[in-house]
């Protein structure tokens, strides 16, 4: 069983789960990199939802003290479960990946229009132009609709917007087109990346992870703001039993929006096994 250095041991840390304005983050890639340098991180994973557009700009902003881990977070679903699959050290220029991401973008726009139609029928109308402006240069998603609902006075905060309207039990929920976690894993591998199950949480059944491991999943996100020490120990034991990599990150979306960048003290030692599986030098 791998024994990582204890938290607070003073070693340099990494954060392998962060978002930019190219999905639902509030910082541009350059600002995210600058913050990672300021926090003294040794590696930063840029993992936007269904998008790799931030990666060239993030790479251009990288400083000598910080390593960029080019990544993505693919949204998938199976048997009523929303499962996100992280891909690390992906080839962002892979043709199959680029083609599928373009389809994701179109599907996201169609889903947004369907949700907005339902909201209008519920008397909570927001304009598509407002949502797209909030999405900025990246892919549009439910968080941007939630922000538009807040601006229009239809919800007090993100939690209420998702609880009343946008969550799986919300009145305006629209299911996304089918894309299974097995398909996400396969797509990441086609792009020469390493697949990792994001934030499985305390309730996900072991049999689900076992099935994904059989489909080629390479790792589990152990460190995450949603994971208590008990959950982390359980996931660590599961990863050990299945021979899976252990990664982690803050799932950073911007200052004041959940956990702060670098706040989870993910040990830099996780990078060695990850890079070995990815076939990356160093």
Protein backbone atom coordinates (compact mmCIF):
# COMPACT_ATOMS: atom_id res chain seq x y z
CA UNK A 1 0.00 0.00 0.00
CA UNK A 2 1.35 3.42 -0.99
CA UNK A 3 1.97 5.74 1.95
CA UNK A 4 1.95 9.38 0.97
CA UNK A 5 3.60 12.08 3.08
CA UNK A 6 1.22 13.39 5.77
CA UNK A 7 -0.63 16.61 5.12
CA UNK A 8 1.22 19.64 6.34
CA UNK A 9 4.57 17.87 6.00
CA UNK A 10 6.03 20.88 4.24
CA UNK A 11 6.69 19.30 0.83
CA UNK A 12 5.63 20.92 -2.41
CA UNK A 13 2.13 20.10 -3.55
CA UNK A 14 0.21 19.77 -6.80
CA UNK A 15 -3.34 20.58 -7.86
CA UNK A 16 -4.55 18.40 -10.73
CA UNK A 17 -8.12 19.63 -11.02
CA UNK A 18 -8.78 23.25 -12.01
CA UNK A 19 -11.05 25.06 -14.45
CA UNK A 20 -10.75 28.23 -16.53
CA UNK A 21 -13.08 30.56 -18.40
CA UNK A 22 -13.08 27.99 -21.20
CA UNK A 23 -15.59 25.98 -19.15
CA UNK A 24 -17.13 27.13 -15.85
CA UNK A 25 -14.13 28.73 -14.15
CA UNK A 26 -13.81 32.46 -13.55
CA UNK A 27 -10.07 32.87 -14.27
CA UNK A 28 -8.42 33.05 -17.67
CA UNK A 29 -5.71 30.42 -18.25
CA UNK A 30 -2.93 32.96 -17.67
CA UNK A 31 -4.45 34.09 -14.37
CA UNK A 32 -4.87 30.49 -13.23
CA UNK A 33 -1.21 29.74 -13.97
CA UNK A 34 -0.12 32.89 -12.16
CA UNK A 35 -2.14 31.90 -9.10
CA UNK A 36 -0.61 28.40 -9.12
CA UNK A 37 2.88 29.94 -9.18
CA UNK A 38 1.90 32.29 -6.35
CA UNK A 39 0.69 29.32 -4.29
CA UNK A 40 3.99 27.52 -4.80
CA UNK A 41 2.50 24.51 -6.57
CA UNK A 42 4.88 22.25 -8.47
CA UNK A 43 2.26 21.06 -10.98
CA UNK A 44 -1.12 22.28 -12.19
CA UNK A 45 -3.75 20.24 -14.02
CA UNK A 46 -5.96 22.33 -16.30
CA UNK A 47 -9.08 20.21 -16.70
CA UNK A 48 -11.90 22.15 -18.28
CA UNK A 49 -15.23 20.46 -18.93
CA UNK A 50 -15.36 18.98 -22.44
CA UNK A 51 -12.77 21.47 -23.72
CA UNK A 52 -9.03 21.73 -24.34
CA UNK A 53 -9.08 25.30 -25.64
CA UNK A 54 -7.36 26.73 -22.55
CA UNK A 55 -4.32 24.48 -22.85
CA UNK A 56 -2.22 26.44 -25.40
CA UNK A 57 -2.64 29.66 -23.44
CA UNK A 58 -1.90 27.93 -20.14
CA UNK A 59 1.24 26.34 -21.60
CA UNK A 60 2.43 29.69 -22.93
CA UNK A 61 2.05 31.20 -19.44
CA UNK A 62 3.91 28.43 -17.59
CA UNK A 63 6.94 29.42 -15.53
CA UNK A 64 10.04 27.33 -14.77
CA UNK A 65 8.83 26.47 -11.27
CA UNK A 66 5.49 25.02 -12.43
CA UNK A 67 4.67 22.01 -14.60
CA UNK A 68 1.47 21.99 -16.64
CA UNK A 69 -0.50 18.75 -16.80
CA UNK A 70 -2.68 19.12 -19.91
CA UNK A 71 -6.05 17.68 -19.09
CA UNK A 72 -9.79 17.57 -19.59
CA UNK A 73 -12.88 16.57 -17.60
CA UNK A 74 -15.38 14.62 -19.69
CA UNK A 75 -18.99 14.48 -18.55
CA UNK A 76 -20.69 11.10 -18.83
CA UNK A 77 -23.65 9.21 -17.43
CA UNK A 78 -24.62 5.61 -16.80
CA UNK A 79 -27.66 4.10 -15.12
CA UNK A 80 -28.77 7.46 -13.79
CA UNK A 81 -25.33 8.34 -12.40
CA UNK A 82 -23.43 11.42 -13.55
CA UNK A 83 -19.78 10.37 -13.72
CA UNK A 84 -16.93 12.66 -14.71
CA UNK A 85 -13.74 11.23 -16.16
CA UNK A 86 -10.52 13.23 -16.01
CA UNK A 87 -7.96 12.79 -18.76
CA UNK A 88 -4.33 13.70 -18.05
CA UNK A 89 -1.48 14.28 -20.51
CA UNK A 90 -3.90 14.14 -23.41
CA UNK A 91 -2.94 15.04 -26.98
CA UNK A 92 -5.20 18.06 -27.46
CA UNK A 93 -4.68 17.88 -31.22
CA UNK A 94 -5.94 14.29 -31.52
CA UNK A 95 -8.43 14.25 -34.39
CA UNK A 96 -10.93 11.91 -32.75
CA UNK A 97 -10.89 13.99 -29.55
CA UNK A 98 -11.33 17.28 -31.42
CA UNK A 99 -14.22 15.86 -33.43
CA UNK A 100 -16.01 14.59 -30.32
CA UNK A 101 -15.48 17.85 -28.43
CA UNK A 102 -17.03 19.76 -31.33
CA UNK A 103 -20.07 17.50 -31.05
CA UNK A 104 -20.16 18.08 -27.29
CA UNK A 105 -20.22 21.83 -27.92
CA UNK A 106 -23.17 21.53 -30.29
CA UNK A 107 -25.01 19.23 -27.88
CA UNK A 108 -24.41 21.64 -25.01
CA UNK A 109 -25.89 24.53 -27.00
CA UNK A 110 -28.94 22.45 -27.94
CA UNK A 111 -29.42 21.38 -24.33
CA UNK A 112 -29.12 24.99 -23.17
CA UNK A 113 -31.90 26.06 -25.54
CA UNK A 114 -34.13 23.22 -24.31
CA UNK A 115 -33.55 24.22 -20.67
CA UNK A 116 -34.26 27.87 -21.44
CA UNK A 117 -37.53 26.87 -23.10
CA UNK A 118 -38.59 24.98 -19.98
CA UNK A 119 -37.58 27.90 -17.77
CA UNK A 120 -39.69 30.25 -19.87
CA UNK A 121 -42.68 27.91 -19.48
CA UNK A 122 -42.10 28.02 -15.71
CA UNK A 123 -42.06 31.82 -15.67
CA UNK A 124 -38.32 32.04 -15.01
CA UNK A 125 -37.23 33.36 -18.37
CA UNK A 126 -33.62 34.25 -19.12
CA UNK A 127 -32.16 35.22 -22.46
CA UNK A 128 -29.89 32.91 -24.42
CA UNK A 129 -27.60 35.85 -25.19
CA UNK A 130 -27.11 36.43 -21.46
CA UNK A 131 -26.19 32.80 -20.85
CA UNK A 132 -23.76 32.71 -23.77
CA UNK A 133 -22.14 35.95 -22.58
CA UNK A 134 -21.64 34.41 -19.13
CA UNK A 135 -20.08 31.34 -20.75
CA UNK A 136 -17.50 33.56 -22.45
CA UNK A 137 -15.08 31.86 -24.83
CA UNK A 138 -15.68 28.33 -23.61
CA UNK A 139 -18.38 25.68 -23.55
CA UNK A 140 -21.80 26.60 -22.16
CA UNK A 141 -23.28 24.64 -19.29
CA UNK A 142 -25.81 24.66 -16.49
CA UNK A 143 -23.63 26.82 -14.17
CA UNK A 144 -23.93 29.65 -16.69
CA UNK A 145 -27.72 29.25 -16.79
CA UNK A 146 -27.69 29.28 -12.99
CA UNK A 147 -25.77 32.56 -12.96
CA UNK A 148 -28.29 34.04 -15.40
CA UNK A 149 -31.15 32.92 -13.15
CA UNK A 150 -29.48 34.66 -10.21
CA UNK A 151 -28.96 37.85 -12.20
CA UNK A 152 -32.63 37.82 -13.25
CA UNK A 153 -33.78 37.35 -9.66
CA UNK A 154 -35.19 33.85 -10.15
CA UNK A 155 -32.76 32.26 -7.66
CA UNK A 156 -30.77 33.52 -4.69
CA UNK A 157 -27.68 31.45 -5.32
CA UNK A 158 -26.29 28.52 -7.30
CA UNK A 159 -27.63 25.96 -4.82
CA UNK A 160 -31.18 27.24 -5.20
CA UNK A 161 -30.88 27.47 -8.98
CA UNK A 162 -29.86 23.82 -9.20
CA UNK A 163 -32.30 22.62 -6.54
CA UNK A 164 -35.34 24.31 -8.08
CA UNK A 165 -34.54 24.28 -11.77
CA UNK A 166 -31.34 22.73 -13.08
CA UNK A 167 -30.47 19.69 -10.96
CA UNK A 168 -31.57 16.19 -11.89
CA UNK A 169 -34.79 16.72 -9.89
CA UNK A 170 -35.25 20.33 -10.96
CA UNK A 171 -38.27 21.53 -12.88
CA UNK A 172 -36.26 22.54 -15.96
CA UNK A 173 -33.80 19.65 -16.03
CA UNK A 174 -32.95 18.26 -19.46
CA UNK A 175 -30.86 15.12 -19.69
CA UNK A 176 -27.74 15.41 -21.85
CA UNK A 177 -27.27 13.10 -24.83
CA UNK A 178 -25.98 9.66 -23.91
CA UNK A 179 -22.22 9.36 -23.44
CA UNK A 180 -21.06 6.58 -21.15
CA UNK A 181 -18.02 6.61 -18.86
CA UNK A 182 -16.65 3.68 -20.85
CA UNK A 183 -16.81 5.85 -23.98
CA UNK A 184 -15.08 8.67 -22.09
CA UNK A 185 -12.29 6.33 -20.98
CA UNK A 186 -11.82 5.04 -24.53
CA UNK A 187 -11.72 8.57 -25.96
CA UNK A 188 -9.08 9.66 -23.45
CA UNK A 189 -6.96 6.64 -24.32
CA UNK A 190 -7.29 7.35 -28.06
CA UNK A 191 -5.90 10.80 -27.24
CA UNK A 192 -2.95 9.12 -25.46
CA UNK A 193 -4.17 10.28 -22.05
CA UNK A 194 -4.54 8.72 -18.62
CA UNK A 195 -8.15 8.25 -17.46
CA UNK A 196 -9.06 9.03 -13.83
CA UNK A 197 -12.49 8.92 -12.17
CA UNK A 198 -13.24 12.38 -10.79
CA UNK A 199 -14.70 12.97 -7.30
CA UNK A 200 -16.44 9.61 -6.83
CA UNK A 201 -17.63 10.76 -3.40
CA UNK A 202 -18.69 8.66 -0.41
CA UNK A 203 -21.70 6.90 -1.94
CA UNK A 204 -20.54 5.52 -5.28
CA UNK A 205 -20.70 1.72 -5.18
CA UNK A 206 -17.41 -0.14 -5.50
CA UNK A 207 -18.91 -2.27 -8.24
CA UNK A 208 -19.17 0.81 -10.47
CA UNK A 209 -15.47 1.56 -10.07
CA UNK A 210 -14.66 -2.10 -10.61
CA UNK A 211 -16.58 -2.05 -13.88
CA UNK A 212 -14.77 1.07 -15.02
CA UNK A 213 -11.41 -0.43 -14.07
CA UNK A 214 -12.28 -3.44 -16.23
CA UNK A 215 -12.98 -0.99 -19.07
CA UNK A 216 -9.49 0.50 -18.73
CA UNK A 217 -9.82 3.23 -16.08
CA UNK A 218 -6.34 4.08 -14.80
CA UNK A 219 -6.96 6.04 -11.61
CA UNK A 220 -9.22 7.55 -8.95
CA UNK A 221 -9.29 11.12 -7.64
CA UNK A 222 -8.63 10.61 -3.94
CA UNK A 223 -8.10 14.20 -2.76
CA UNK A 224 -11.18 16.35 -3.42
CA UNK A 225 -13.17 18.92 -1.40
CA UNK A 226 -16.14 16.53 -1.26
CA UNK A 227 -14.06 13.76 0.30
CA UNK A 228 -13.78 13.42 4.06
CA UNK A 229 -10.78 11.61 5.58
CA UNK A 230 -12.97 8.51 5.89
CA UNK A 231 -13.91 8.67 2.21
CA UNK A 232 -10.29 9.20 1.23
CA UNK A 233 -9.20 6.13 3.19
CA UNK A 234 -11.93 4.04 1.57
CA UNK A 235 -10.99 5.23 -1.93
CA UNK A 236 -7.29 4.70 -1.20
CA UNK A 237 -7.99 1.09 -0.22
CA UNK A 238 -10.10 0.62 -3.35
CA UNK A 239 -7.39 2.08 -5.58
CA UNK A 240 -4.81 -0.18 -3.98
CA UNK A 241 -6.99 -3.26 -4.48
CA UNK A 242 -7.67 -2.45 -8.14
CA UNK A 243 -4.17 -1.24 -8.95
CA UNK A 244 -5.32 2.27 -9.82
CA UNK A 245 -3.41 5.56 -9.68
CA UNK A 246 -4.27 8.11 -7.01
CA UNK A 247 -4.65 11.77 -7.94
CA UNK A 248 -6.31 14.82 -6.47
CA UNK A 249 -7.12 18.47 -6.75
CA UNK A 250 -9.26 21.29 -5.49
CA UNK A 251 -11.73 21.31 -8.42
CA UNK A 252 -10.96 25.03 -8.45
CA UNK A 253 -13.44 27.27 -10.27
CA UNK A 254 -12.24 30.67 -9.12
CA UNK A 255 -11.67 32.78 -5.99
CA UNK A 256 -14.58 32.55 -3.59
CA UNK A 257 -16.17 29.63 -5.45
CA UNK A 258 -15.60 26.53 -3.40
CA UNK A 259 -12.18 25.19 -2.45
CA UNK A 260 -9.19 27.40 -3.14
CA UNK A 261 -6.41 26.42 -5.53
CA UNK A 262 -3.81 24.26 -3.79
CA UNK A 263 -5.84 24.04 -0.60
CA UNK A 264 -5.89 20.23 -0.40
CA UNK A 265 -2.11 19.68 -0.20
CA UNK A 266 -1.99 16.86 -2.75
CA UNK A 267 1.56 15.48 -2.44
CA UNK A 268 3.87 15.98 -5.42
CA UNK A 269 4.76 12.29 -5.18
CA UNK A 270 1.57 11.40 -7.08
CA UNK A 271 3.21 12.77 -10.22
CA UNK A 272 5.74 9.95 -10.60
CA UNK A 273 3.24 7.09 -11.09
CA UNK A 274 0.99 9.32 -13.21
CA UNK A 275 3.80 10.31 -15.55
CA UNK A 276 5.03 6.74 -15.77
CA UNK A 277 1.62 5.52 -16.95
CA UNK A 278 1.37 8.48 -19.33
CA UNK A 279 4.80 7.74 -20.76
CA UNK A 280 5.99 11.25 -19.93
CA UNK A 281 9.64 11.85 -19.09
CA UNK A 282 10.61 13.16 -15.66
